[in-house]
Amino acid sequence: MYACPPSKGNPCFPAQVACCCVVATAIAAPQAIVTPTSSQPLLKTYPIIPYSYQYEVQDAVTGNYQNKAEMKAPNGDVYGSYSVLMPDGYIYTTTYNVTATTGYVANLVKTLATQPFVGNAADVNIDVVPSDAATRPTSSI
């Protein structure tokens, strides 16, 4: 596509000026103002529905140890934490809360794992199995 550079000596210059004038006129044209009526609420609000859930995974064969818990209070604040055992032998735990005043605030703590698992998580070796295999990948400790 050929584009004319904007210059007065250029034969495309009058067309560019005309195009800019049309756009400016369209933007500056009066717009219809819609005023909300009592049957048209500005913003629909939904009630806060408190909840809580938690789960935990303890798989000694693969070294998969993780958990999560979260709850939402009646005022809408959310509090939670999750932990995971990483291959370096540390448990990483993140605690967080989300409130209307502070937003999302998180804290990460790294703790050396003690023995709830068999062997060292770093020693877990997952064998690669082709995607068409009908069996689950095996592991060795």
N, C-alpha and C. Protein backbone atom coordinates (compact mmCIF):
# COMPACT_ATOMS: atom_id res chain seq x y z
N MET A 1 0.84 -1.17 0.00
CA MET A 1 0.00 0.00 0.00
C MET A 1 0.89 1.24 0.00
N TYR A 2 0.57 2.20 -0.81
CA TYR A 2 1.36 3.40 -0.93
C TYR A 2 0.78 4.47 -0.01
N ALA A 3 1.62 5.07 0.79
CA ALA A 3 1.19 6.15 1.68
C ALA A 3 1.97 7.39 1.33
N CYS A 4 1.26 8.49 1.14
CA CYS A 4 1.91 9.76 0.81
C CYS A 4 2.41 10.41 2.08
N PRO A 5 3.66 10.85 2.09
CA PRO A 5 4.14 11.56 3.28
C PRO A 5 3.44 12.91 3.38
N PRO A 6 3.12 13.37 4.59
CA PRO A 6 2.40 14.63 4.74
C PRO A 6 3.31 15.83 4.51
N SER A 7 3.18 16.41 3.33
CA SER A 7 3.93 17.62 3.03
C SER A 7 3.12 18.45 2.06
N LYS A 8 3.34 19.77 2.05
CA LYS A 8 2.55 20.65 1.19
C LYS A 8 2.87 20.46 -0.28
N GLY A 9 4.06 20.01 -0.61
CA GLY A 9 4.42 19.80 -2.00
C GLY A 9 3.90 18.48 -2.52
N ASN A 10 3.33 17.68 -1.71
CA ASN A 10 2.86 16.35 -2.06
C ASN A 10 1.44 16.44 -2.60
N PRO A 11 1.11 15.75 -3.69
CA PRO A 11 -0.26 15.83 -4.24
C PRO A 11 -1.30 15.19 -3.32
N CYS A 12 -0.89 14.36 -2.35
CA CYS A 12 -1.85 13.73 -1.42
C CYS A 12 -2.20 14.65 -0.26
N PHE A 13 -1.49 15.75 -0.10
CA PHE A 13 -1.68 16.61 1.07
C PHE A 13 -3.12 17.11 1.20
N PRO A 14 -3.78 17.62 0.16
CA PRO A 14 -5.17 18.08 0.33
C PRO A 14 -6.10 16.95 0.78
N ALA A 15 -5.88 15.74 0.31
CA ALA A 15 -6.72 14.62 0.73
C ALA A 15 -6.52 14.31 2.21
N GLN A 16 -5.28 14.43 2.69
CA GLN A 16 -5.01 14.18 4.10
C GLN A 16 -5.67 15.23 4.97
N VAL A 17 -5.63 16.48 4.54
CA VAL A 17 -6.27 17.55 5.30
C VAL A 17 -7.77 17.34 5.33
N ALA A 18 -8.36 16.98 4.19
CA ALA A 18 -9.80 16.75 4.12
C ALA A 18 -10.19 15.59 5.02
N CYS A 19 -9.41 14.53 5.04
CA CYS A 19 -9.69 13.37 5.88
C CYS A 19 -9.65 13.76 7.36
N CYS A 20 -8.66 14.54 7.76
CA CYS A 20 -8.54 14.99 9.15
C CYS A 20 -9.73 15.86 9.53
N CYS A 21 -10.20 16.71 8.59
CA CYS A 21 -11.35 17.57 8.89
C CYS A 21 -12.61 16.75 9.09
N VAL A 22 -12.80 15.71 8.28
CA VAL A 22 -13.98 14.85 8.42
C VAL A 22 -13.96 14.13 9.76
N VAL A 23 -12.80 13.60 10.15
CA VAL A 23 -12.68 12.90 11.43
C VAL A 23 -12.92 13.87 12.58
N ALA A 24 -12.34 15.05 12.52
CA ALA A 24 -12.52 16.04 13.59
C ALA A 24 -13.98 16.47 13.69
N THR A 25 -14.66 16.62 12.57
CA THR A 25 -16.07 17.01 12.58
C THR A 25 -16.91 15.90 13.20
N ALA A 26 -16.63 14.65 12.87
CA ALA A 26 -17.39 13.54 13.42
C ALA A 26 -17.20 13.43 14.92
N ILE A 27 -15.98 13.66 15.39
CA ILE A 27 -15.71 13.58 16.83
C ILE A 27 -16.38 14.73 17.58
N ALA A 28 -16.38 15.92 16.96
CA ALA A 28 -16.92 17.10 17.62
C ALA A 28 -18.43 17.20 17.51
N ALA A 29 -19.08 16.37 16.71
CA ALA A 29 -20.53 16.44 16.55
C ALA A 29 -21.22 16.14 17.88
N PRO A 30 -22.34 16.79 18.16
CA PRO A 30 -23.05 16.53 19.41
C PRO A 30 -23.49 15.07 19.49
N GLN A 31 -23.33 14.51 20.65
CA GLN A 31 -23.72 13.12 20.89
C GLN A 31 -25.00 13.10 21.71
N ALA A 32 -25.80 12.10 21.49
CA ALA A 32 -27.02 11.95 22.28
C ALA A 32 -26.65 11.59 23.70
N ILE A 33 -27.26 12.25 24.66
CA ILE A 33 -26.98 11.98 26.07
C ILE A 33 -28.13 11.15 26.62
N VAL A 34 -27.79 9.98 27.12
CA VAL A 34 -28.79 9.10 27.70
C VAL A 34 -28.73 9.26 29.21
N THR A 35 -29.80 9.70 29.78
CA THR A 35 -29.85 9.84 31.24
C THR A 35 -30.56 8.64 31.80
N PRO A 36 -29.99 8.01 32.83
CA PRO A 36 -30.62 6.82 33.39
C PRO A 36 -31.92 7.20 34.10
N THR A 37 -32.87 6.32 33.97
CA THR A 37 -34.14 6.52 34.68
C THR A 37 -34.14 5.60 35.89
N SER A 38 -35.17 5.68 36.68
CA SER A 38 -35.22 4.84 37.88
C SER A 38 -35.30 3.36 37.51
N SER A 39 -35.76 3.04 36.31
CA SER A 39 -35.81 1.64 35.89
C SER A 39 -34.48 1.16 35.31
N GLN A 40 -33.52 2.08 35.12
CA GLN A 40 -32.20 1.73 34.59
C GLN A 40 -31.15 1.99 35.66
N PRO A 41 -30.81 0.98 36.46
CA PRO A 41 -29.77 1.20 37.47
C PRO A 41 -28.41 1.42 36.81
N LEU A 42 -27.58 2.27 37.41
CA LEU A 42 -26.25 2.53 36.88
C LEU A 42 -25.36 1.31 37.01
N LEU A 43 -25.44 0.62 38.13
CA LEU A 43 -24.56 -0.51 38.39
C LEU A 43 -25.34 -1.55 39.17
N LYS A 44 -25.37 -2.76 38.66
CA LYS A 44 -26.04 -3.83 39.37
C LYS A 44 -25.07 -4.43 40.37
N THR A 45 -25.47 -4.53 41.60
CA THR A 45 -24.61 -5.12 42.62
C THR A 45 -25.11 -6.53 42.94
N TYR A 46 -24.18 -7.39 43.23
CA TYR A 46 -24.48 -8.77 43.57
C TYR A 46 -24.10 -9.00 45.02
N PRO A 47 -24.82 -9.85 45.72
CA PRO A 47 -24.49 -10.11 47.12
C PRO A 47 -23.18 -10.88 47.23
N ILE A 48 -22.47 -10.67 48.31
CA ILE A 48 -21.23 -11.41 48.58
C ILE A 48 -21.63 -12.79 49.08
N ILE A 49 -21.05 -13.80 48.48
CA ILE A 49 -21.35 -15.17 48.89
C ILE A 49 -20.10 -15.75 49.54
N PRO A 50 -20.09 -15.88 50.86
CA PRO A 50 -18.92 -16.45 51.54
C PRO A 50 -18.70 -17.91 51.12
N TYR A 51 -17.45 -18.32 51.14
CA TYR A 51 -17.11 -19.71 50.82
C TYR A 51 -15.82 -20.07 51.52
N SER A 52 -15.53 -21.35 51.54
CA SER A 52 -14.22 -21.82 51.98
C SER A 52 -13.97 -23.18 51.34
N TYR A 53 -12.72 -23.47 51.05
CA TYR A 53 -12.35 -24.77 50.51
C TYR A 53 -10.90 -25.04 50.87
N GLN A 54 -10.56 -26.31 50.78
CA GLN A 54 -9.17 -26.71 51.02
C GLN A 54 -8.92 -28.05 50.35
N TYR A 55 -7.66 -28.31 50.03
CA TYR A 55 -7.27 -29.62 49.52
C TYR A 55 -5.82 -29.85 49.89
N GLU A 56 -5.44 -31.12 49.83
CA GLU A 56 -4.07 -31.49 50.15
C GLU A 56 -3.69 -32.71 49.32
N VAL A 57 -2.46 -32.73 48.81
CA VAL A 57 -1.93 -33.86 48.05
C VAL A 57 -0.70 -34.35 48.78
N GLN A 58 -0.65 -35.67 49.04
CA GLN A 58 0.52 -36.30 49.65
C GLN A 58 0.81 -37.57 48.87
N ASP A 59 1.70 -37.46 47.89
CA ASP A 59 2.04 -38.60 47.04
C ASP A 59 3.53 -38.90 47.21
N ALA A 60 3.82 -39.90 48.04
CA ALA A 60 5.22 -40.25 48.33
C ALA A 60 5.92 -40.84 47.11
N VAL A 61 5.19 -41.47 46.22
CA VAL A 61 5.80 -42.09 45.04
C VAL A 61 6.43 -41.04 44.14
N THR A 62 5.73 -39.93 43.93
CA THR A 62 6.24 -38.88 43.03
C THR A 62 6.88 -37.72 43.78
N GLY A 63 6.72 -37.68 45.10
CA GLY A 63 7.24 -36.55 45.87
C GLY A 63 6.36 -35.31 45.75
N ASN A 64 5.11 -35.50 45.36
CA ASN A 64 4.18 -34.39 45.18
C ASN A 64 3.47 -34.11 46.49
N TYR A 65 3.88 -33.03 47.14
CA TYR A 65 3.26 -32.59 48.38
C TYR A 65 2.85 -31.14 48.20
N GLN A 66 1.56 -30.89 48.31
CA GLN A 66 1.05 -29.53 48.18
C GLN A 66 -0.30 -29.42 48.89
N ASN A 67 -0.67 -28.20 49.22
CA ASN A 67 -1.97 -27.95 49.82
C ASN A 67 -2.40 -26.53 49.55
N LYS A 68 -3.67 -26.31 49.70
CA LYS A 68 -4.22 -24.97 49.54
C LYS A 68 -5.48 -24.86 50.38
N ALA A 69 -5.70 -23.69 50.95
CA ALA A 69 -6.92 -23.39 51.69
C ALA A 69 -7.27 -21.93 51.43
N GLU A 70 -8.55 -21.66 51.27
CA GLU A 70 -8.99 -20.28 51.02
C GLU A 70 -10.39 -20.11 51.57
N MET A 71 -10.68 -18.91 52.05
CA MET A 71 -12.01 -18.58 52.52
C MET A 71 -12.34 -17.14 52.19
N LYS A 72 -13.63 -16.91 51.93
CA LYS A 72 -14.12 -15.56 51.67
C LYS A 72 -15.07 -15.20 52.80
N ALA A 73 -14.81 -14.07 53.44
CA ALA A 73 -15.60 -13.60 54.57
C ALA A 73 -16.89 -12.93 54.07
N PRO A 74 -17.87 -12.76 54.95
CA PRO A 74 -19.12 -12.11 54.55
C PRO A 74 -18.93 -10.67 54.05
N ASN A 75 -17.83 -10.01 54.43
CA ASN A 75 -17.59 -8.64 53.94
C ASN A 75 -16.85 -8.63 52.60
N GLY A 76 -16.51 -9.80 52.05
CA GLY A 76 -15.86 -9.88 50.75
C GLY A 76 -14.36 -10.07 50.80
N ASP A 77 -13.75 -9.97 51.98
CA ASP A 77 -12.31 -10.19 52.10
C ASP A 77 -11.99 -11.67 51.87
N VAL A 78 -10.86 -11.92 51.22
CA VAL A 78 -10.43 -13.29 50.93
C VAL A 78 -9.10 -13.54 51.62
N TYR A 79 -8.99 -14.69 52.29
CA TYR A 79 -7.78 -15.08 52.99
C TYR A 79 -7.43 -16.49 52.55
N GLY A 80 -6.12 -16.75 52.37
CA GLY A 80 -5.74 -18.09 51.97
C GLY A 80 -4.26 -18.34 52.06
N SER A 81 -3.90 -19.58 51.79
CA SER A 81 -2.50 -19.98 51.75
C SER A 81 -2.36 -21.22 50.88
N TYR A 82 -1.17 -21.38 50.33
CA TYR A 82 -0.86 -22.61 49.61
C TYR A 82 0.61 -22.92 49.83
N SER A 83 0.90 -24.23 49.84
CA SER A 83 2.27 -24.71 50.07
C SER A 83 2.59 -25.77 49.04
N VAL A 84 3.88 -25.86 48.72
CA VAL A 84 4.34 -26.89 47.80
C VAL A 84 5.76 -27.29 48.18
N LEU A 85 6.03 -28.59 48.16
CA LEU A 85 7.38 -29.11 48.39
C LEU A 85 8.10 -29.09 47.05
N MET A 86 9.18 -28.34 46.98
CA MET A 86 9.93 -28.20 45.73
C MET A 86 11.11 -29.19 45.72
N PRO A 87 11.67 -29.45 44.53
CA PRO A 87 12.78 -30.40 44.42
C PRO A 87 14.02 -30.02 45.24
N ASP A 88 14.14 -28.77 45.65
CA ASP A 88 15.30 -28.38 46.46
C ASP A 88 15.16 -28.79 47.92
N GLY A 89 14.05 -29.47 48.27
CA GLY A 89 13.85 -29.94 49.64
C GLY A 89 13.22 -28.91 50.56
N TYR A 90 12.79 -27.80 50.04
CA TYR A 90 12.14 -26.76 50.83
C TYR A 90 10.65 -26.72 50.54
N ILE A 91 9.90 -26.35 51.55
CA ILE A 91 8.46 -26.12 51.39
C ILE A 91 8.27 -24.62 51.24
N TYR A 92 7.64 -24.21 50.16
CA TYR A 92 7.35 -22.81 49.91
C TYR A 92 5.88 -22.57 50.25
N THR A 93 5.63 -21.70 51.21
CA THR A 93 4.27 -21.41 51.64
C THR A 93 3.97 -19.95 51.37
N THR A 94 2.90 -19.71 50.66
CA THR A 94 2.44 -18.35 50.37
C THR A 94 1.13 -18.14 51.11
N THR A 95 1.09 -17.13 51.94
CA THR A 95 -0.16 -16.72 52.56
C THR A 95 -0.56 -15.39 51.92
N TYR A 96 -1.84 -15.20 51.74
CA TYR A 96 -2.31 -14.00 51.05
C TYR A 96 -3.65 -13.56 51.60
N ASN A 97 -3.95 -12.31 51.38
CA ASN A 97 -5.29 -11.80 51.65
C ASN A 97 -5.60 -10.74 50.62
N VAL A 98 -6.87 -10.59 50.36
CA VAL A 98 -7.36 -9.61 49.40
C VAL A 98 -8.48 -8.85 50.09
N THR A 99 -8.26 -7.56 50.30
CA THR A 99 -9.28 -6.74 50.93
C THR A 99 -9.54 -5.51 50.08
N ALA A 100 -10.64 -4.85 50.38
CA ALA A 100 -10.99 -3.65 49.62
C ALA A 100 -10.00 -2.52 49.89
N THR A 101 -9.40 -2.49 51.06
CA THR A 101 -8.50 -1.39 51.41
C THR A 101 -7.06 -1.64 50.98
N THR A 102 -6.59 -2.90 51.03
CA THR A 102 -5.18 -3.16 50.72
C THR A 102 -4.96 -3.84 49.39
N GLY A 103 -6.00 -4.40 48.79
CA GLY A 103 -5.82 -5.16 47.56
C GLY A 103 -5.18 -6.51 47.88
N TYR A 104 -4.41 -7.04 46.94
CA TYR A 104 -3.78 -8.34 47.12
C TYR A 104 -2.44 -8.16 47.83
N VAL A 105 -2.28 -8.84 48.96
CA VAL A 105 -1.04 -8.81 49.73
C VAL A 105 -0.63 -10.25 49.99
N ALA A 106 0.61 -10.59 49.64
CA ALA A 106 1.09 -11.96 49.80
C ALA A 106 2.40 -11.98 50.57
N ASN A 107 2.66 -13.11 51.22
CA ASN A 107 3.88 -13.31 51.97
C ASN A 107 4.38 -14.72 51.66
N LEU A 108 5.64 -14.85 51.27
CA LEU A 108 6.23 -16.14 50.93
C LEU A 108 7.24 -16.54 52.01
N VAL A 109 7.12 -17.78 52.49
CA VAL A 109 8.03 -18.30 53.50
C VAL A 109 8.63 -19.60 52.96
N LYS A 110 9.95 -19.72 53.08
CA LYS A 110 10.68 -20.91 52.63
C LYS A 110 11.15 -21.65 53.87
N THR A 111 10.73 -22.93 53.99
CA THR A 111 11.05 -23.73 55.18
C THR A 111 11.68 -25.05 54.74
N LEU A 112 12.76 -25.45 55.41
CA LEU A 112 13.38 -26.74 55.11
C LEU A 112 12.41 -27.85 55.51
N ALA A 113 12.15 -28.76 54.59
CA ALA A 113 11.18 -29.83 54.84
C ALA A 113 11.74 -30.85 55.83
N THR A 114 10.89 -31.32 56.70
CA THR A 114 11.24 -32.44 57.58
C THR A 114 10.59 -33.68 56.98
N GLN A 115 10.66 -34.81 57.62
CA GLN A 115 10.27 -36.08 57.03
C GLN A 115 8.77 -36.39 57.05
N PRO A 116 7.93 -35.78 56.20
CA PRO A 116 6.64 -36.41 55.97
C PRO A 116 6.70 -37.24 54.69
N PHE A 117 7.83 -37.18 53.95
CA PHE A 117 7.92 -37.87 52.68
C PHE A 117 9.05 -38.88 52.72
N VAL A 118 9.00 -39.82 51.80
CA VAL A 118 10.01 -40.86 51.70
C VAL A 118 11.08 -40.41 50.72
N GLY A 119 12.32 -40.38 51.14
CA GLY A 119 13.41 -39.97 50.27
C GLY A 119 13.46 -38.47 50.14
N ASN A 120 14.24 -38.02 49.20
CA ASN A 120 14.40 -36.59 48.94
C ASN A 120 13.63 -36.26 47.68
N ALA A 121 12.84 -35.22 47.72
CA ALA A 121 12.04 -34.84 46.56
C ALA A 121 12.92 -34.58 45.34
N ALA A 122 14.17 -34.17 45.56
CA ALA A 122 15.08 -33.90 44.45
C ALA A 122 15.51 -35.20 43.76
N ASP A 123 15.39 -36.34 44.47
CA ASP A 123 15.80 -37.62 43.91
C ASP A 123 14.71 -38.27 43.07
N VAL A 124 13.51 -37.72 43.05
CA VAL A 124 12.43 -38.32 42.29
C VAL A 124 12.70 -38.14 40.81
N ASN A 125 12.61 -39.26 40.07
CA ASN A 125 12.89 -39.24 38.65
C ASN A 125 11.66 -39.73 37.90
N ILE A 126 11.02 -38.86 37.15
CA ILE A 126 9.84 -39.24 36.38
C ILE A 126 10.31 -39.63 34.98
N ASP A 127 10.00 -40.87 34.59
CA ASP A 127 10.38 -41.33 33.25
C ASP A 127 9.43 -40.72 32.22
N VAL A 128 9.96 -40.41 31.05
CA VAL A 128 9.14 -39.85 29.98
C VAL A 128 8.46 -41.00 29.25
N VAL A 129 7.15 -40.90 29.10
CA VAL A 129 6.37 -41.92 28.41
C VAL A 129 5.72 -41.26 27.21
N PRO A 130 5.75 -41.89 26.03
CA PRO A 130 5.11 -41.29 24.86
C PRO A 130 3.64 -40.99 25.13
N SER A 131 3.12 -39.95 24.48
CA SER A 131 1.76 -39.51 24.74
C SER A 131 0.73 -40.55 24.34
N ASP A 132 1.07 -41.48 23.45
CA ASP A 132 0.11 -42.50 23.03
C ASP A 132 0.13 -43.73 23.95
N ALA A 133 0.99 -43.73 24.97
CA ALA A 133 1.06 -44.85 25.89
C ALA A 133 -0.17 -44.86 26.79
N ALA A 134 -0.66 -46.04 27.09
CA ALA A 134 -1.87 -46.15 27.90
C ALA A 134 -1.55 -46.22 29.38
N THR A 135 -0.28 -46.25 29.73
CA THR A 135 0.08 -46.37 31.13
C THR A 135 0.49 -45.02 31.70
N ARG A 136 0.44 -44.92 33.02
CA ARG A 136 0.85 -43.70 33.72
C ARG A 136 2.37 -43.69 33.81
N PRO A 137 3.01 -42.51 33.73
CA PRO A 137 4.48 -42.46 33.87
C PRO A 137 4.91 -43.07 35.20
N THR A 138 6.00 -43.79 35.16
CA THR A 138 6.52 -44.41 36.37
C THR A 138 7.56 -43.53 37.00
N SER A 139 7.82 -43.76 38.26
CA SER A 139 8.86 -42.99 38.95
C SER A 139 9.70 -43.95 39.77
N SER A 140 10.88 -43.53 40.07
CA SER A 140 11.77 -44.32 40.89
C SER A 140 12.37 -43.45 41.97
N ILE A 141 12.52 -44.01 43.14
CA ILE A 141 13.08 -43.24 44.26
C ILE A 141 14.43 -43.82 44.62
